[in-house]
Amino acid sequence: MKTKITSFLVVVTVSFISFSANAQIFKAGLNAANISITNDGDVDENNVLGSFQLGVTGNIKILPMLYFQPGIIFTGKGSKTQSGNTTDPTYYRASSNPRYIEVPVNFVLKTPTGPVKLFAGAGPYIAVGVSGKNKVEGKFLGAAFSSEKDIRWSDDDPSTLGYEEGAGYGIMKRFDYGLNALAGIELTRLVLAVGYGHGLAKLQSGSGSGSDDQNKHRVFSVTVGLRL
């Protein structure tokens, strides 16, 4: 399974680089990650987890105001929960921070040529889980405890539709997918953007993604990019 995932990433990377080698935006930014908790996809704002993203996107002109922007992003998602404060004799804090190689495919509209352009766009994404940590810490009546474990991923093979290999309790789905939206300002070389990733895949392995919107990624981001 690891060989198939590696091959998938190599094919996507090579295709991307060959397609947009002369029109790239290198970017980095901060994520405000969360996980939905209701059937309608709502989140608990107290559970926001700070993370990051780093990657490169293409910037290929299709029409005078329409651009195609595929990308490859290393990005952190997840959420946290906390009961009490660290100064209390009893408190609890847990976080899950999975990291993915994400491939967004966005279509972006830009204002006409000028020193400053406004832009907005949207598109789908697919992501492959590659690392991450589950952390727990706290105190019980003054006695401290903590643990940190690597996230366990399923061995899902995307070519076997309708069946997920390696699913089980406490194991996260290897693949995530969803929709992106973004908007921002483009200067001569600098690109400032805000984005939102709306996950459509359930995180718990073995679960069906279409039954409701619980347990799916929600990620707001702020990024700074450099145009080549």
C-alpha atoms as a PDB file:
ATOM      1  CA  MET A   1       0.000   0.000   0.000  1.00  0.00           C
ATOM      2  CA  LYS A   2       2.844   2.424   0.825  1.00  0.00           C
ATOM      3  CA  THR A   3       4.246   1.794  -2.677  1.00  0.00           C
ATOM      4  CA  LYS A   4       0.915   2.709  -4.271  1.00  0.00           C
ATOM      5  CA  ILE A   5       0.649   5.922  -2.243  1.00  0.00           C
ATOM      6  CA  THR A   6       4.226   6.885  -3.129  1.00  0.00           C
ATOM      7  CA  SER A   7       3.566   6.185  -6.809  1.00  0.00           C
ATOM      8  CA  PHE A   8       0.410   8.312  -6.679  1.00  0.00           C
ATOM      9  CA  LEU A   9       2.302  11.261  -5.196  1.00  0.00           C
ATOM     10  CA  VAL A  10       5.163  10.915  -7.688  1.00  0.00           C
ATOM     11  CA  VAL A  11       2.787  10.917 -10.669  1.00  0.00           C
ATOM     12  CA  VAL A  12       0.886  13.950  -9.367  1.00  0.00           C
ATOM     13  CA  THR A  13       4.097  15.841  -8.562  1.00  0.00           C
ATOM     14  CA  VAL A  14       5.735  15.186 -11.935  1.00  0.00           C
ATOM     15  CA  SER A  15       2.532  16.085 -13.808  1.00  0.00           C
ATOM     16  CA  PHE A  16       2.166  19.299 -11.838  1.00  0.00           C
ATOM     17  CA  ILE A  17       5.759  20.434 -12.295  1.00  0.00           C
ATOM     18  CA  SER A  18       5.738  19.725 -16.038  1.00  0.00           C
ATOM     19  CA  PHE A  19       2.396  21.524 -16.449  1.00  0.00           C
ATOM     20  CA  SER A  20       3.147  24.709 -14.537  1.00  0.00           C
ATOM     21  CA  ALA A  21       6.925  25.012 -14.259  1.00  0.00           C
ATOM     22  CA  ASN A  22       6.893  28.555 -15.636  1.00  0.00           C
ATOM     23  CA  ALA A  23       3.983  29.873 -13.571  1.00  0.00           C
ATOM     24  CA  GLN A  24       4.348  29.019  -9.903  1.00  0.00           C
ATOM     25  CA  ILE A  25       3.444  30.550  -6.558  1.00  0.00           C
ATOM     26  CA  PHE A  26       5.379  29.369  -3.513  1.00  0.00           C
ATOM     27  CA  LYS A  27       3.299  29.909  -0.392  1.00  0.00           C
ATOM     28  CA  ALA A  28       3.234  29.365   3.358  1.00  0.00           C
ATOM     29  CA  GLY A  29       0.629  30.113   5.958  1.00  0.00           C
ATOM     30  CA  LEU A  30      -1.279  29.360   9.128  1.00  0.00           C
ATOM     31  CA  ASN A  31      -4.299  27.069   9.479  1.00  0.00           C
ATOM     32  CA  ALA A  32      -7.174  27.253  11.945  1.00  0.00           C
ATOM     33  CA  ALA A  33      -8.243  23.602  11.825  1.00  0.00           C
ATOM     34  CA  ASN A  34     -11.365  22.010  13.235  1.00  0.00           C
ATOM     35  CA  ILE A  35     -13.556  18.927  12.881  1.00  0.00           C
ATOM     36  CA  SER A  36     -17.330  19.017  12.433  1.00  0.00           C
ATOM     37  CA  ILE A  37     -19.440  17.663  15.308  1.00  0.00           C
ATOM     38  CA  THR A  38     -23.059  17.862  14.032  1.00  0.00           C
ATOM     39  CA  ASN A  39     -25.055  16.282  11.220  1.00  0.00           C
ATOM     40  CA  ASP A  40     -25.170  19.696   9.514  1.00  0.00           C
ATOM     41  CA  GLY A  41     -21.391  20.106   9.601  1.00  0.00           C
ATOM     42  CA  ASP A  42     -21.163  22.667  12.403  1.00  0.00           C
ATOM     43  CA  VAL A  43     -18.042  22.915  14.580  1.00  0.00           C
ATOM     44  CA  ASP A  44     -17.287  23.900  18.170  1.00  0.00           C
ATOM     45  CA  GLU A  45     -15.255  27.121  17.955  1.00  0.00           C
ATOM     46  CA  ASN A  46     -13.465  26.203  21.203  1.00  0.00           C
ATOM     47  CA  ASN A  47     -11.899  23.207  19.440  1.00  0.00           C
ATOM     48  CA  VAL A  48      -9.844  25.163  16.878  1.00  0.00           C
ATOM     49  CA  LEU A  49      -6.294  23.820  16.482  1.00  0.00           C
ATOM     50  CA  GLY A  50      -3.529  26.009  15.087  1.00  0.00           C
ATOM     51  CA  SER A  51      -1.435  24.418  12.342  1.00  0.00           C
ATOM     52  CA  PHE A  52       0.401  25.373   9.145  1.00  0.00           C
ATOM     53  CA  GLN A  53       0.731  24.755   5.434  1.00  0.00           C
ATOM     54  CA  LEU A  54       3.585  24.984   2.948  1.00  0.00           C
ATOM     55  CA  GLY A  55       3.608  24.315  -0.773  1.00  0.00           C
ATOM     56  CA  VAL A  56       3.452  25.453  -4.364  1.00  0.00           C
ATOM     57  CA  THR A  57       0.582  26.191  -6.735  1.00  0.00           C
ATOM     58  CA  GLY A  58       0.425  26.755 -10.451  1.00  0.00           C
ATOM     59  CA  ASN A  59      -0.929  29.933 -12.014  1.00  0.00           C
ATOM     60  CA  ILE A  60      -1.898  29.070 -15.584  1.00  0.00           C
ATOM     61  CA  LYS A  61      -3.888  31.590 -17.600  1.00  0.00           C
ATOM     62  CA  ILE A  62      -6.842  30.061 -19.467  1.00  0.00           C
ATOM     63  CA  LEU A  63      -8.847  33.160 -20.422  1.00  0.00           C
ATOM     64  CA  PRO A  64      -8.175  36.899 -19.877  1.00  0.00           C
ATOM     65  CA  MET A  65      -9.575  36.743 -16.318  1.00  0.00           C
ATOM     66  CA  LEU A  66      -9.642  32.985 -15.619  1.00  0.00           C
ATOM     67  CA  TYR A  67      -6.698  31.009 -14.203  1.00  0.00           C
ATOM     68  CA  PHE A  68      -6.138  27.332 -13.417  1.00  0.00           C
ATOM     69  CA  GLN A  69      -4.264  26.750 -10.142  1.00  0.00           C
ATOM     70  CA  PRO A  70      -3.332  23.140  -9.325  1.00  0.00           C
ATOM     71  CA  GLY A  71      -1.094  22.687  -6.320  1.00  0.00           C
ATOM     72  CA  ILE A  72       0.834  20.444  -3.949  1.00  0.00           C
ATOM     73  CA  ILE A  73       0.557  21.412  -0.276  1.00  0.00           C
ATOM     74  CA  PHE A  74       1.903  19.921   2.937  1.00  0.00           C
ATOM     75  CA  THR A  75      -0.805  20.872   5.430  1.00  0.00           C
ATOM     76  CA  GLY A  76      -1.865  20.225   9.015  1.00  0.00           C
ATOM     77  CA  LYS A  77      -5.476  19.641  10.049  1.00  0.00           C
ATOM     78  CA  GLY A  78      -7.293  18.274  13.138  1.00  0.00           C
ATOM     79  CA  SER A  79      -8.785  19.736  16.310  1.00  0.00           C
ATOM     80  CA  LYS A  80      -8.384  19.933  20.092  1.00  0.00           C
ATOM     81  CA  THR A  81     -10.543  19.668  23.192  1.00  0.00           C
ATOM     82  CA  GLN A  82      -9.923  21.056  26.659  1.00  0.00           C
ATOM     83  CA  SER A  83     -11.655  20.959  30.025  1.00  0.00           C
ATOM     84  CA  GLY A  84     -10.392  23.312  32.726  1.00  0.00           C
ATOM     85  CA  ASN A  85      -7.200  25.370  32.765  1.00  0.00           C
ATOM     86  CA  THR A  86      -3.586  24.359  33.223  1.00  0.00           C
ATOM     87  CA  THR A  87      -3.545  26.151  36.578  1.00  0.00           C
ATOM     88  CA  ASP A  88      -6.461  24.054  37.906  1.00  0.00           C
ATOM     89  CA  PRO A  89      -5.786  20.966  40.066  1.00  0.00           C
ATOM     90  CA  THR A  90      -7.768  18.942  37.499  1.00  0.00           C
ATOM     91  CA  TYR A  91      -7.783  19.646  33.766  1.00  0.00           C
ATOM     92  CA  TYR A  92      -7.683  17.714  30.486  1.00  0.00           C
ATOM     93  CA  ARG A  93      -6.442  18.634  27.006  1.00  0.00           C
ATOM     94  CA  ALA A  94      -6.301  16.438  23.903  1.00  0.00           C
ATOM     95  CA  SER A  95      -5.355  17.225  20.318  1.00  0.00           C
ATOM     96  CA  SER A  96      -5.219  15.350  17.030  1.00  0.00           C
ATOM     97  CA  ASN A  97      -3.005  16.885  14.330  1.00  0.00           C
ATOM     98  CA  PRO A  98      -2.922  14.788  11.133  1.00  0.00           C
ATOM     99  CA  ARG A  99      -0.719  16.030   8.306  1.00  0.00           C
ATOM    100  CA  TYR A 100      -1.465  15.535   4.647  1.00  0.00           C
ATOM    101  CA  ILE A 101      -0.018  15.947   1.191  1.00  0.00           C
ATOM    102  CA  GLU A 102      -2.905  17.790  -0.446  1.00  0.00           C
ATOM    103  CA  VAL A 103      -3.559  18.347  -4.145  1.00  0.00           C
ATOM    104  CA  PRO A 104      -6.002  21.240  -4.712  1.00  0.00           C
ATOM    105  CA  VAL A 105      -7.328  21.971  -8.200  1.00  0.00           C
ATOM    106  CA  ASN A 106      -8.780  25.485  -8.220  1.00  0.00           C
ATOM    107  CA  PHE A 107     -10.195  27.779 -10.884  1.00  0.00           C
ATOM    108  CA  VAL A 108      -9.621  31.456 -10.062  1.00  0.00           C
ATOM    109  CA  LEU A 109     -11.089  34.699 -11.429  1.00  0.00           C
ATOM    110  CA  LYS A 110      -8.883  37.812 -11.305  1.00  0.00           C
ATOM    111  CA  THR A 111      -9.596  41.459 -11.930  1.00  0.00           C
ATOM    112  CA  PRO A 112      -8.062  42.961 -15.119  1.00  0.00           C
ATOM    113  CA  THR A 113      -4.348  43.671 -15.456  1.00  0.00           C
ATOM    114  CA  GLY A 114      -2.926  46.264 -13.064  1.00  0.00           C
ATOM    115  CA  PRO A 115      -0.441  46.643 -10.186  1.00  0.00           C
ATOM    116  CA  VAL A 116      -3.031  45.224  -7.771  1.00  0.00           C
ATOM    117  CA  LYS A 117      -5.454  42.406  -8.600  1.00  0.00           C
ATOM    118  CA  LEU A 118      -8.298  40.975  -6.580  1.00  0.00           C
ATOM    119  CA  PHE A 119      -9.072  37.294  -7.021  1.00  0.00           C
ATOM    120  CA  ALA A 120     -11.489  34.600  -5.882  1.00  0.00           C
ATOM    121  CA  GLY A 121     -11.863  30.963  -6.782  1.00  0.00           C
ATOM    122  CA  ALA A 122     -12.860  27.445  -5.814  1.00  0.00           C
ATOM    123  CA  GLY A 123     -12.316  23.804  -6.669  1.00  0.00           C
ATOM    124  CA  PRO A 124     -11.912  20.268  -5.307  1.00  0.00           C
ATOM    125  CA  TYR A 125      -9.002  18.716  -3.455  1.00  0.00           C
ATOM    126  CA  ILE A 126      -7.727  15.257  -2.578  1.00  0.00           C
ATOM    127  CA  ALA A 127      -5.263  14.587   0.241  1.00  0.00           C
ATOM    128  CA  VAL A 128      -3.171  11.662   1.487  1.00  0.00           C
ATOM    129  CA  GLY A 129      -2.392  11.316   5.203  1.00  0.00           C
ATOM    130  CA  VAL A 130       1.351  10.936   5.800  1.00  0.00           C
ATOM    131  CA  SER A 131       2.003  11.714   9.483  1.00  0.00           C
ATOM    132  CA  GLY A 132       0.577  13.245  12.640  1.00  0.00           C
ATOM    133  CA  LYS A 133       0.262  12.984  16.409  1.00  0.00           C
ATOM    134  CA  ASN A 134      -2.471  12.382  18.968  1.00  0.00           C
ATOM    135  CA  LYS A 135      -1.579  14.104  22.240  1.00  0.00           C
ATOM    136  CA  VAL A 136      -3.187  13.989  25.691  1.00  0.00           C
ATOM    137  CA  GLU A 137      -2.127  15.886  28.793  1.00  0.00           C
ATOM    138  CA  GLY A 138      -3.661  17.026  32.038  1.00  0.00           C
ATOM    139  CA  LYS A 139      -3.810  16.748  35.799  1.00  0.00           C
ATOM    140  CA  PHE A 140      -6.044  14.800  38.151  1.00  0.00           C
ATOM    141  CA  LEU A 141      -6.132  16.208  41.678  1.00  0.00           C
ATOM    142  CA  GLY A 142      -2.711  17.728  41.061  1.00  0.00           C
ATOM    143  CA  ALA A 143      -1.107  14.593  39.573  1.00  0.00           C
ATOM    144  CA  ALA A 144       0.073  15.270  36.019  1.00  0.00           C
ATOM    145  CA  PHE A 145      -0.258  12.809  33.116  1.00  0.00           C
ATOM    146  CA  SER A 146       0.523  12.929  29.404  1.00  0.00           C
ATOM    147  CA  SER A 147       0.845  10.728  26.331  1.00  0.00           C
ATOM    148  CA  GLU A 148       1.781  11.193  22.676  1.00  0.00           C
ATOM    149  CA  LYS A 149       1.205   8.657  19.903  1.00  0.00           C
ATOM    150  CA  ASP A 150       1.575   8.599  16.144  1.00  0.00           C
ATOM    151  CA  ILE A 151      -1.697   8.650  14.239  1.00  0.00           C
ATOM    152  CA  ARG A 152      -2.607   5.230  12.854  1.00  0.00           C
ATOM    153  CA  TRP A 153      -3.735   5.279   9.229  1.00  0.00           C
ATOM    154  CA  SER A 154      -5.763   2.696   7.344  1.00  0.00           C
ATOM    155  CA  ASP A 155      -4.163   0.885   4.389  1.00  0.00           C
ATOM    156  CA  ASP A 156      -6.876   2.078   2.041  1.00  0.00           C
ATOM    157  CA  ASP A 157      -6.325   1.396  -1.647  1.00  0.00           C
ATOM    158  CA  PRO A 158      -8.135   4.050  -3.722  1.00  0.00           C
ATOM    159  CA  SER A 159      -8.491   1.608  -6.614  1.00  0.00           C
ATOM    160  CA  THR A 160     -10.807  -0.646  -4.544  1.00  0.00           C
ATOM    161  CA  LEU A 161     -13.938   1.476  -4.496  1.00  0.00           C
ATOM    162  CA  GLY A 162     -16.448   0.658  -1.763  1.00  0.00           C
ATOM    163  CA  TYR A 163     -13.923  -1.148   0.439  1.00  0.00           C
ATOM    164  CA  GLU A 164     -11.353   0.252   2.851  1.00  0.00           C
ATOM    165  CA  GLU A 165      -8.403  -1.958   3.766  1.00  0.00           C
ATOM    166  CA  GLY A 166      -7.033  -1.805   7.303  1.00  0.00           C
ATOM    167  CA  ALA A 167     -10.048  -0.078   8.857  1.00  0.00           C
ATOM    168  CA  GLY A 168     -10.587  -0.317  12.611  1.00  0.00           C
ATOM    169  CA  TYR A 169     -11.360   1.541  15.826  1.00  0.00           C
ATOM    170  CA  GLY A 170      -8.951   4.417  16.449  1.00  0.00           C
ATOM    171  CA  ILE A 171      -7.582   4.252  12.903  1.00  0.00           C
ATOM    172  CA  MET A 172      -7.927   7.285  10.612  1.00  0.00           C
ATOM    173  CA  LYS A 173      -8.818   7.137   6.934  1.00  0.00           C
ATOM    174  CA  ARG A 174      -5.756   7.542   4.741  1.00  0.00           C
ATOM    175  CA  PHE A 175      -7.503   9.673   2.100  1.00  0.00           C
ATOM    176  CA  ASP A 176      -9.359  12.950   2.557  1.00  0.00           C
ATOM    177  CA  TYR A 177     -11.201  14.901  -0.123  1.00  0.00           C
ATOM    178  CA  GLY A 178     -13.391  17.979  -0.278  1.00  0.00           C
ATOM    179  CA  LEU A 179     -13.901  21.464  -1.668  1.00  0.00           C
ATOM    180  CA  ASN A 180     -11.789  24.638  -1.474  1.00  0.00           C
ATOM    181  CA  ALA A 181     -12.626  28.331  -1.644  1.00  0.00           C
ATOM    182  CA  LEU A 182     -10.099  31.163  -1.698  1.00  0.00           C
ATOM    183  CA  ALA A 183      -9.865  34.928  -2.147  1.00  0.00           C
ATOM    184  CA  GLY A 184      -7.180  37.556  -1.861  1.00  0.00           C
ATOM    185  CA  ILE A 185      -4.979  40.278  -3.301  1.00  0.00           C
ATOM    186  CA  GLU A 186      -2.182  39.809  -5.834  1.00  0.00           C
ATOM    187  CA  LEU A 187       0.621  42.354  -6.123  1.00  0.00           C
ATOM    188  CA  THR A 188       3.539  42.271  -8.555  1.00  0.00           C
ATOM    189  CA  ARG A 189       5.293  39.412  -6.745  1.00  0.00           C
ATOM    190  CA  LEU A 190       3.343  38.989  -3.496  1.00  0.00           C
ATOM    191  CA  VAL A 191       0.059  37.095  -3.083  1.00  0.00           C
ATOM    192  CA  LEU A 192      -2.014  37.438   0.112  1.00  0.00           C
ATOM    193  CA  ALA A 193      -4.921  35.011   0.462  1.00  0.00           C
ATOM    194  CA  VAL A 194      -7.508  33.545   2.801  1.00  0.00           C
ATOM    195  CA  GLY A 195      -8.929  30.095   2.204  1.00  0.00           C
ATOM    196  CA  TYR A 196     -11.400  27.534   3.452  1.00  0.00           C
ATOM    197  CA  GLY A 197     -11.261  23.756   3.064  1.00  0.00           C
ATOM    198  CA  HIS A 198     -14.553  21.877   3.477  1.00  0.00           C
ATOM    199  CA  GLY A 199     -13.863  18.170   3.944  1.00  0.00           C
ATOM    200  CA  LEU A 200     -16.350  15.650   2.566  1.00  0.00           C
ATOM    201  CA  ALA A 201     -14.715  12.447   3.849  1.00  0.00           C
ATOM    202  CA  LYS A 202     -15.276  11.071   7.348  1.00  0.00           C
ATOM    203  CA  LEU A 203     -12.090  10.741   9.370  1.00  0.00           C
ATOM    204  CA  GLN A 204     -12.870   7.490  11.172  1.00  0.00           C
ATOM    205  CA  SER A 205     -11.909   4.512   9.041  1.00  0.00           C
ATOM    206  CA  GLY A 206     -14.720   2.169   8.097  1.00  0.00           C
ATOM    207  CA  SER A 207     -17.372   4.914   8.205  1.00  0.00           C
ATOM    208  CA  GLY A 208     -19.513   6.066   5.282  1.00  0.00           C
ATOM    209  CA  SER A 209     -18.866   9.668   4.249  1.00  0.00           C
ATOM    210  CA  GLY A 210     -22.302  10.364   2.786  1.00  0.00           C
ATOM    211  CA  SER A 211     -24.586   9.685   5.771  1.00  0.00           C
ATOM    212  CA  ASP A 212     -24.089  13.085   7.487  1.00  0.00           C
ATOM    213  CA  ASP A 213     -21.503  15.840   7.982  1.00  0.00           C
ATOM    214  CA  GLN A 214     -20.109  14.806  11.363  1.00  0.00           C
ATOM    215  CA  ASN A 215     -16.418  14.092  11.830  1.00  0.00           C
ATOM    216  CA  LYS A 216     -15.076  15.901   8.746  1.00  0.00           C
ATOM    217  CA  HIS A 217     -12.243  18.410   8.352  1.00  0.00           C
ATOM    218  CA  ARG A 218     -12.898  22.155   8.351  1.00  0.00           C
ATOM    219  CA  VAL A 219      -9.854  24.396   7.785  1.00  0.00           C
ATOM    220  CA  PHE A 220      -9.526  28.181   7.521  1.00  0.00           C
ATOM    221  CA  SER A 221      -6.157  29.475   6.327  1.00  0.00           C
ATOM    222  CA  VAL A 222      -4.191  32.674   5.808  1.00  0.00           C
ATOM    223  CA  THR A 223      -1.261  32.444   3.384  1.00  0.00           C
ATOM    224  CA  VAL A 224       1.488  34.566   1.883  1.00  0.00           C
ATOM    225  CA  GLY A 225       2.749  33.630  -1.561  1.00  0.00           C
ATOM    226  CA  LEU A 226       5.665  34.621  -3.802  1.00  0.00           C
ATOM    227  CA  ARG A 227       5.107  34.626  -7.572  1.00  0.00           C
ATOM    228  CA  LEU A 228       7.881  33.496  -9.878  1.00  0.00           C
END
